[in-house]
C-alpha atoms as a PDB file:
ATOM      1  CA  MET A   1     -33.564  44.573  73.429  1.00  0.00           C
ATOM      2  CA  PRO A   2     -33.317  47.543  70.817  1.00  0.00           C
ATOM      3  CA  ILE A   3     -34.175  46.773  67.164  1.00  0.00           C
ATOM      4  CA  GLN A   4     -30.920  46.038  65.171  1.00  0.00           C
ATOM      5  CA  THR A   5     -30.404  46.549  61.545  1.00  0.00           C
ATOM      6  CA  VAL A   6     -30.898  43.633  59.446  1.00  0.00           C
ATOM      7  CA  GLU A   7     -28.141  42.781  57.060  1.00  0.00           C
ATOM      8  CA  PRO A   8     -28.532  41.361  53.473  1.00  0.00           C
ATOM      9  CA  GLN A   9     -26.328  38.362  53.138  1.00  0.00           C
ATOM     10  CA  ARG A  10     -25.290  36.921  49.807  1.00  0.00           C
ATOM     11  CA  LEU A  11     -26.756  33.256  49.206  1.00  0.00           C
ATOM     12  CA  TYR A  12     -23.253  31.489  49.047  1.00  0.00           C
ATOM     13  CA  ARG A  13     -22.528  33.202  52.363  1.00  0.00           C
ATOM     14  CA  GLN A  14     -25.659  31.744  53.902  1.00  0.00           C
ATOM     15  CA  ILE A  15     -24.809  28.208  52.475  1.00  0.00           C
ATOM     16  CA  ALA A  16     -21.150  28.489  53.934  1.00  0.00           C
ATOM     17  CA  GLU A  17     -22.397  29.552  57.344  1.00  0.00           C
ATOM     18  CA  GLN A  18     -24.742  26.601  57.659  1.00  0.00           C
ATOM     19  CA  LEU A  19     -22.036  24.313  56.561  1.00  0.00           C
ATOM     20  CA  ARG A  20     -19.968  25.791  59.252  1.00  0.00           C
ATOM     21  CA  HIS A  21     -22.434  25.130  61.822  1.00  0.00           C
ATOM     22  CA  LEU A  22     -22.751  21.596  60.773  1.00  0.00           C
ATOM     23  CA  MET A  23     -19.013  21.367  61.213  1.00  0.00           C
ATOM     24  CA  GLY A  24     -18.767  23.021  64.498  1.00  0.00           C
ATOM     25  CA  SER A  25     -21.748  20.913  65.851  1.00  0.00           C
ATOM     26  CA  GLY A  26     -19.967  17.555  65.228  1.00  0.00           C
ATOM     27  CA  GLU A  27     -22.381  16.743  62.209  1.00  0.00           C
ATOM     28  CA  PHE A  28     -18.993  16.755  60.079  1.00  0.00           C
ATOM     29  CA  SER A  29     -16.047  15.831  61.825  1.00  0.00           C
ATOM     30  CA  VAL A  30     -12.254  16.559  60.935  1.00  0.00           C
ATOM     31  CA  GLY A  31     -11.197  14.174  58.302  1.00  0.00           C
ATOM     32  CA  SER A  32     -14.689  13.276  57.210  1.00  0.00           C
ATOM     33  CA  ARG A  33     -16.229  13.891  53.751  1.00  0.00           C
ATOM     34  CA  LEU A  34     -19.048  16.231  52.872  1.00  0.00           C
ATOM     35  CA  PRO A  35     -21.906  15.341  50.599  1.00  0.00           C
ATOM     36  CA  ALA A  36     -21.042  15.728  46.829  1.00  0.00           C
ATOM     37  CA  GLU A  37     -21.867  19.296  45.434  1.00  0.00           C
ATOM     38  CA  ARG A  38     -24.878  18.184  43.477  1.00  0.00           C
ATOM     39  CA  GLU A  39     -25.983  16.469  46.638  1.00  0.00           C
ATOM     40  CA  LEU A  40     -25.556  19.628  48.912  1.00  0.00           C
ATOM     41  CA  ALA A  41     -27.331  21.660  46.023  1.00  0.00           C
ATOM     42  CA  LEU A  42     -30.254  19.328  46.378  1.00  0.00           C
ATOM     43  CA  GLN A  43     -30.383  19.056  50.055  1.00  0.00           C
ATOM     44  CA  LEU A  44     -30.105  22.747  50.534  1.00  0.00           C
ATOM     45  CA  GLY A  45     -32.502  23.684  47.782  1.00  0.00           C
ATOM     46  CA  VAL A  46     -30.018  25.979  45.978  1.00  0.00           C
ATOM     47  CA  SER A  47     -28.176  25.705  42.717  1.00  0.00           C
ATOM     48  CA  ARG A  48     -24.949  24.176  42.350  1.00  0.00           C
ATOM     49  CA  PRO A  49     -23.143  27.427  41.443  1.00  0.00           C
ATOM     50  CA  SER A  50     -24.074  28.946  44.693  1.00  0.00           C
ATOM     51  CA  VAL A  51     -22.696  25.823  46.520  1.00  0.00           C
ATOM     52  CA  ARG A  52     -19.592  25.799  44.626  1.00  0.00           C
ATOM     53  CA  GLU A  53     -19.190  29.556  45.672  1.00  0.00           C
ATOM     54  CA  ALA A  54     -19.789  28.570  49.484  1.00  0.00           C
ATOM     55  CA  LEU A  55     -17.381  25.900  49.096  1.00  0.00           C
ATOM     56  CA  ILE A  56     -14.437  27.888  47.591  1.00  0.00           C
ATOM     57  CA  ALA A  57     -15.199  30.495  50.582  1.00  0.00           C
ATOM     58  CA  LEU A  58     -14.862  27.780  52.955  1.00  0.00           C
ATOM     59  CA  GLU A  59     -11.564  26.336  51.423  1.00  0.00           C
ATOM     60  CA  VAL A  60     -10.113  30.022  51.341  1.00  0.00           C
ATOM     61  CA  GLU A  61     -10.767  30.109  55.050  1.00  0.00           C
ATOM     62  CA  GLY A  62      -9.046  26.627  55.335  1.00  0.00           C
ATOM     63  CA  MET A  63     -11.986  24.911  56.569  1.00  0.00           C
ATOM     64  CA  ILE A  64     -12.355  22.163  53.777  1.00  0.00           C
ATOM     65  CA  GLU A  65      -9.928  20.579  51.308  1.00  0.00           C
ATOM     66  CA  VAL A  66     -11.138  19.649  47.678  1.00  0.00           C
ATOM     67  CA  ARG A  67      -9.592  16.252  46.801  1.00  0.00           C
ATOM     68  CA  THR A  68      -9.640  15.476  43.229  1.00  0.00           C
ATOM     69  CA  GLY A  69     -11.334  12.202  42.293  1.00  0.00           C
ATOM     70  CA  SER A  70     -12.219  11.732  46.211  1.00  0.00           C
ATOM     71  CA  GLY A  71     -14.441  14.473  47.492  1.00  0.00           C
ATOM     72  CA  ILE A  72     -14.567  17.486  49.780  1.00  0.00           C
ATOM     73  CA  TYR A  73     -13.104  16.946  53.368  1.00  0.00           C
ATOM     74  CA  VAL A  74     -13.305  18.789  56.505  1.00  0.00           C
ATOM     75  CA  GLN A  75     -10.094  20.197  57.787  1.00  0.00           C
ATOM     76  CA  CYS A  76     -11.004  22.247  60.644  1.00  0.00           C
ATOM     77  CA  THR A  77     -14.300  22.505  62.704  1.00  0.00           C
ATOM     78  CA  THR A  78     -13.699  25.960  64.708  1.00  0.00           C
ATOM     79  CA  THR A  79     -14.106  29.369  63.293  1.00  0.00           C
ATOM     80  CA  PRO A  80     -10.734  30.378  61.674  1.00  0.00           C
ATOM     81  CA  SER A  81      -8.249  32.381  63.750  1.00  0.00           C
ATOM     82  CA  LYS A  82      -8.194  34.765  60.894  1.00  0.00           C
ATOM     83  CA  PRO A  83     -11.505  36.536  60.985  1.00  0.00           C
ATOM     84  CA  ARG A  84     -13.926  36.468  57.911  1.00  0.00           C
ATOM     85  CA  PRO A  85     -14.479  39.633  56.024  1.00  0.00           C
ATOM     86  CA  ALA A  86     -17.256  41.575  57.011  1.00  0.00           C
ATOM     87  CA  ILE A  87     -20.628  41.407  54.906  1.00  0.00           C
ATOM     88  CA  THR A  88     -20.147  44.325  52.286  1.00  0.00           C
ATOM     89  CA  ASN A  89     -21.239  45.134  48.877  1.00  0.00           C
ATOM     90  CA  ALA A  90     -17.707  45.267  47.800  1.00  0.00           C
ATOM     91  CA  PRO A  91     -16.997  43.548  44.566  1.00  0.00           C
ATOM     92  CA  ALA A  92     -14.392  41.234  46.181  1.00  0.00           C
ATOM     93  CA  ASP A  93     -17.428  39.973  48.395  1.00  0.00           C
ATOM     94  CA  TRP A  94     -19.292  38.917  44.900  1.00  0.00           C
ATOM     95  CA  GLY A  95     -19.865  35.289  44.231  1.00  0.00           C
ATOM     96  CA  PRO A  96     -17.553  34.285  41.238  1.00  0.00           C
ATOM     97  CA  LEU A  97     -20.329  32.559  39.141  1.00  0.00           C
ATOM     98  CA  GLU A  98     -22.693  34.842  39.940  1.00  0.00           C
ATOM     99  CA  VAL A  99     -20.371  37.779  38.627  1.00  0.00           C
ATOM    100  CA  MET A 100     -20.117  35.498  35.597  1.00  0.00           C
ATOM    101  CA  SER A 101     -23.640  35.351  35.051  1.00  0.00           C
ATOM    102  CA  ALA A 102     -24.061  39.137  35.376  1.00  0.00           C
ATOM    103  CA  ARG A 103     -21.245  39.547  32.888  1.00  0.00           C
ATOM    104  CA  ILE A 104     -23.023  37.653  30.219  1.00  0.00           C
ATOM    105  CA  LEU A 105     -25.952  40.190  30.370  1.00  0.00           C
ATOM    106  CA  VAL A 106     -23.716  43.312  30.751  1.00  0.00           C
ATOM    107  CA  GLU A 107     -20.835  42.921  28.522  1.00  0.00           C
ATOM    108  CA  SER A 108     -22.745  41.326  25.510  1.00  0.00           C
ATOM    109  CA  GLU A 109     -24.641  44.866  25.331  1.00  0.00           C
ATOM    110  CA  VAL A 110     -21.137  46.513  26.015  1.00  0.00           C
ATOM    111  CA  ALA A 111     -19.639  44.665  22.944  1.00  0.00           C
ATOM    112  CA  ALA A 112     -22.443  45.533  20.956  1.00  0.00           C
ATOM    113  CA  LEU A 113     -22.285  49.127  21.839  1.00  0.00           C
ATOM    114  CA  ALA A 114     -18.294  49.299  21.176  1.00  0.00           C
ATOM    115  CA  ALA A 115     -18.996  47.782  17.706  1.00  0.00           C
ATOM    116  CA  GLN A 116     -21.192  51.019  16.862  1.00  0.00           C
ATOM    117  CA  ASN A 117     -18.920  53.614  19.023  1.00  0.00           C
ATOM    118  CA  ALA A 118     -15.328  52.607  18.830  1.00  0.00           C
ATOM    119  CA  GLN A 119     -12.894  55.046  17.424  1.00  0.00           C
ATOM    120  CA  LYS A 120      -9.511  53.942  15.885  1.00  0.00           C
ATOM    121  CA  LYS A 121      -7.836  54.806  19.205  1.00  0.00           C
ATOM    122  CA  ASP A 122     -10.341  52.480  20.949  1.00  0.00           C
ATOM    123  CA  LEU A 123      -9.698  49.606  18.615  1.00  0.00           C
ATOM    124  CA  GLN A 124      -6.004  49.891  19.060  1.00  0.00           C
ATOM    125  CA  VAL A 125      -6.483  49.632  23.003  1.00  0.00           C
ATOM    126  CA  ILE A 126      -8.730  46.367  22.387  1.00  0.00           C
ATOM    127  CA  ARG A 127      -5.763  44.997  20.040  1.00  0.00           C
ATOM    128  CA  ASN A 128      -3.126  45.788  22.474  1.00  0.00           C
ATOM    129  CA  GLY A 129      -5.081  44.018  25.259  1.00  0.00           C
ATOM    130  CA  LEU A 130      -5.569  40.704  23.251  1.00  0.00           C
ATOM    131  CA  GLN A 131      -1.839  40.693  22.082  1.00  0.00           C
ATOM    132  CA  LYS A 132      -0.864  41.132  25.683  1.00  0.00           C
ATOM    133  CA  MET A 133      -2.950  38.016  26.393  1.00  0.00           C
ATOM    134  CA  LYS A 134      -1.065  36.195  23.450  1.00  0.00           C
ATOM    135  CA  LEU A 135       2.513  37.143  24.823  1.00  0.00           C
ATOM    136  CA  GLU A 136       1.485  36.340  28.332  1.00  0.00           C
ATOM    137  CA  ALA A 137       0.420  32.865  27.339  1.00  0.00           C
ATOM    138  CA  ALA A 138       3.266  32.215  25.309  1.00  0.00           C
ATOM    139  CA  ARG A 139       5.430  32.925  28.304  1.00  0.00           C
ATOM    140  CA  ASP A 140       3.311  30.491  30.195  1.00  0.00           C
ATOM    141  CA  GLU A 141       1.863  33.099  32.478  1.00  0.00           C
ATOM    142  CA  ILE A 142      -1.811  33.517  33.273  1.00  0.00           C
ATOM    143  CA  PRO A 143      -2.966  36.278  30.933  1.00  0.00           C
ATOM    144  CA  ARG A 144      -4.923  38.070  33.337  1.00  0.00           C
ATOM    145  CA  GLN A 145      -3.602  41.442  32.529  1.00  0.00           C
ATOM    146  CA  GLY A 146      -4.184  41.082  28.846  1.00  0.00           C
ATOM    147  CA  ASP A 147      -7.745  40.129  29.512  1.00  0.00           C
ATOM    148  CA  GLU A 148      -8.558  42.719  31.775  1.00  0.00           C
ATOM    149  CA  ALA A 149      -7.175  45.342  29.434  1.00  0.00           C
ATOM    150  CA  PHE A 150      -9.286  43.827  26.534  1.00  0.00           C
ATOM    151  CA  HIS A 151     -12.546  43.903  28.267  1.00  0.00           C
ATOM    152  CA  GLU A 152     -12.030  47.444  29.814  1.00  0.00           C
ATOM    153  CA  GLY A 153     -10.919  48.479  26.344  1.00  0.00           C
ATOM    154  CA  ILE A 154     -14.414  47.358  24.998  1.00  0.00           C
ATOM    155  CA  ALA A 155     -15.964  48.987  27.908  1.00  0.00           C
ATOM    156  CA  GLN A 156     -14.222  52.149  27.245  1.00  0.00           C
ATOM    157  CA  ALA A 157     -15.040  52.219  23.528  1.00  0.00           C
ATOM    158  CA  CYS A 158     -18.884  51.622  24.374  1.00  0.00           C
ATOM    159  CA  GLY A 159     -19.089  55.370  25.068  1.00  0.00           C
ATOM    160  CA  ASN A 160     -21.178  54.955  28.617  1.00  0.00           C
ATOM    161  CA  SER A 161     -19.144  55.961  31.557  1.00  0.00           C
ATOM    162  CA  VAL A 162     -21.634  54.004  33.903  1.00  0.00           C
ATOM    163  CA  LEU A 163     -21.202  50.610  31.858  1.00  0.00           C
ATOM    164  CA  LEU A 164     -17.277  51.586  31.978  1.00  0.00           C
ATOM    165  CA  ASP A 165     -17.641  51.524  35.889  1.00  0.00           C
ATOM    166  CA  THR A 166     -19.570  48.449  35.974  1.00  0.00           C
ATOM    167  CA  VAL A 167     -17.162  46.519  33.905  1.00  0.00           C
ATOM    168  CA  GLN A 168     -14.342  47.673  36.135  1.00  0.00           C
ATOM    169  CA  ARG A 169     -16.090  46.664  39.236  1.00  0.00           C
ATOM    170  CA  PHE A 170     -16.447  43.193  37.720  1.00  0.00           C
ATOM    171  CA  TRP A 171     -12.798  43.243  37.430  1.00  0.00           C
ATOM    172  CA  GLN A 172     -12.377  44.310  41.028  1.00  0.00           C
ATOM    173  CA  ALA A 173     -14.346  40.865  41.899  1.00  0.00           C
ATOM    174  CA  ARG A 174     -12.475  39.144  39.203  1.00  0.00           C
ATOM    175  CA  ASN A 175      -9.057  39.895  40.956  1.00  0.00           C
ATOM    176  CA  GLY A 176     -10.409  38.902  44.495  1.00  0.00           C
ATOM    177  CA  PRO A 177      -9.511  35.889  46.733  1.00  0.00           C
ATOM    178  CA  LEU A 178     -12.692  33.588  45.694  1.00  0.00           C
ATOM    179  CA  PHE A 179     -12.141  34.084  41.946  1.00  0.00           C
ATOM    180  CA  GLU A 180      -8.338  33.534  42.496  1.00  0.00           C
ATOM    181  CA  ARG A 181      -8.891  30.222  44.278  1.00  0.00           C
ATOM    182  CA  LEU A 182     -11.562  29.126  41.623  1.00  0.00           C
ATOM    183  CA  GLY A 183      -9.049  29.943  38.957  1.00  0.00           C
ATOM    184  CA  GLU A 184      -6.527  27.578  40.475  1.00  0.00           C
ATOM    185  CA  TYR A 185      -8.877  24.708  39.593  1.00  0.00           C
ATOM    186  CA  PHE A 186     -10.250  25.757  36.414  1.00  0.00           C
ATOM    187  CA  GLU A 187      -7.757  28.029  34.465  1.00  0.00           C
ATOM    188  CA  ASN A 188      -5.236  26.141  32.691  1.00  0.00           C
ATOM    189  CA  PRO A 189      -3.252  26.758  29.325  1.00  0.00           C
ATOM    190  CA  PRO A 190      -6.029  24.704  27.110  1.00  0.00           C
ATOM    191  CA  SER A 191      -8.725  26.979  28.564  1.00  0.00           C
ATOM    192  CA  TRP A 192      -6.842  30.457  28.362  1.00  0.00           C
ATOM    193  CA  GLN A 193      -6.171  29.314  24.322  1.00  0.00           C
ATOM    194  CA  ALA A 194      -9.917  28.825  24.096  1.00  0.00           C
ATOM    195  CA  ALA A 195     -10.624  32.331  25.871  1.00  0.00           C
ATOM    196  CA  ILE A 196      -8.144  33.946  23.352  1.00  0.00           C
ATOM    197  CA  THR A 197      -9.878  32.461  19.986  1.00  0.00           C
ATOM    198  CA  GLU A 198     -13.042  33.722  21.814  1.00  0.00           C
ATOM    199  CA  HIS A 199     -11.482  37.215  22.263  1.00  0.00           C
ATOM    200  CA  GLN A 200     -10.424  37.299  18.427  1.00  0.00           C
ATOM    201  CA  SER A 201     -13.931  36.466  17.491  1.00  0.00           C
ATOM    202  CA  VAL A 202     -15.279  39.542  19.551  1.00  0.00           C
ATOM    203  CA  LEU A 203     -12.470  41.625  18.346  1.00  0.00           C
ATOM    204  CA  GLU A 204     -13.093  41.035  14.666  1.00  0.00           C
ATOM    205  CA  ALA A 205     -16.976  41.853  14.939  1.00  0.00           C
ATOM    206  CA  ILE A 206     -16.220  44.947  16.847  1.00  0.00           C
ATOM    207  CA  GLU A 207     -13.716  46.149  14.125  1.00  0.00           C
ATOM    208  CA  ALA A 208     -16.359  45.111  11.536  1.00  0.00           C
ATOM    209  CA  GLY A 209     -18.810  47.606  13.176  1.00  0.00           C
ATOM    210  CA  ASN A 210     -21.097  44.325  13.349  1.00  0.00           C
ATOM    211  CA  SER A 211     -23.186  45.193  16.731  1.00  0.00           C
ATOM    212  CA  ALA A 212     -25.113  41.853  16.659  1.00  0.00           C
ATOM    213  CA  GLY A 213     -21.973  39.629  15.872  1.00  0.00           C
ATOM    214  CA  ALA A 214     -20.193  41.508  18.662  1.00  0.00           C
ATOM    215  CA  ARG A 215     -22.866  40.852  21.170  1.00  0.00           C
ATOM    216  CA  LYS A 216     -23.258  37.020  20.187  1.00  0.00           C
ATOM    217  CA  ALA A 217     -19.396  36.604  20.036  1.00  0.00           C
ATOM    218  CA  MET A 218     -19.102  38.246  23.773  1.00  0.00           C
ATOM    219  CA  GLN A 219     -22.011  36.119  24.950  1.00  0.00           C
ATOM    220  CA  LYS A 220     -20.572  32.871  23.393  1.00  0.00           C
ATOM    221  CA  HIS A 221     -17.376  33.837  25.207  1.00  0.00           C
ATOM    222  CA  LEU A 222     -18.613  34.529  28.819  1.00  0.00           C
ATOM    223  CA  LYS A 223     -21.070  31.460  28.831  1.00  0.00           C
ATOM    224  CA  GLN A 224     -17.973  29.334  27.738  1.00  0.00           C
ATOM    225  CA  ALA A 225     -16.284  30.950  30.607  1.00  0.00           C
ATOM    226  CA  HIS A 226     -18.994  30.332  33.073  1.00  0.00           C
ATOM    227  CA  LYS A 227     -18.967  26.542  31.742  1.00  0.00           C
ATOM    228  CA  ARG A 228     -15.278  26.139  32.414  1.00  0.00           C
ATOM    229  CA  TYR A 229     -15.693  27.688  35.871  1.00  0.00           C
ATOM    230  CA  SER A 230     -18.583  25.229  36.407  1.00  0.00           C
ATOM    231  CA  ALA A 231     -16.712  22.133  35.177  1.00  0.00           C
ATOM    232  CA  SER A 232     -15.817  19.099  37.421  1.00  0.00           C
ATOM    233  CA  TRP A 233     -13.169  19.574  40.084  1.00  0.00           C
ATOM    234  CA  ARG A 234      -9.638  18.959  39.132  1.00  0.00           C
ATOM    235  CA  ARG A 235      -6.324  19.039  41.071  1.00  0.00           C
ATOM    236  CA  ALA A 236      -5.360  22.401  42.236  1.00  0.00           C
ATOM    237  CA  PRO A 237      -1.534  23.313  42.080  1.00  0.00           C
ATOM    238  CA  ALA A 238       0.715  22.851  45.288  1.00  0.00           C
ATOM    239  CA  ARG A 239       0.459  25.597  47.544  1.00  0.00           C
END
């Protein structure tokens, strides 16, 4: 047998694969309840965010269902009819909470640079993004477009094309199916209003040319966003 290339696999995918195997082997039958997220993390020796990413991936595939106040239940024990996406390094394959952790590190520094380098036209682009968020929220829409425009505007203002490309790749991940499903649980009008207030603080620091303040405000915003995505499960909207 010839030696085959070993493909690296994201941790959440490894966790999901192990859970698929347990369901397929009869350890967990259709209708049975999986251990709680915290218990799975302890048993697998991994972090809760990685378990959550794996569960979201399995739910997107239709293999499990999260029932608020009750638990996580097996819906299917066979491989989904729709093939799982190949393992790639594409942003849509990145784990959502892992992306959020990376954004805390990268975008905090991007905001600090933007405070140093932003021109008038850059500031207007950032303001427009925040205003679009407010308008979308006022129409009871998910203010995703304004959010993306705001963060991309800051990246554009920082003056580093590699960092701009990095932030754009974060948003490719942000618009992927795992993030979308996670958002159905944890994005709601109060969370978006909190995010808008946090964005306002970032904008004010950049407008003032306060590099340290912009770094701190962006870091606070993204840590709060990570915290919101890590909260207890709530009921997802009807599909």
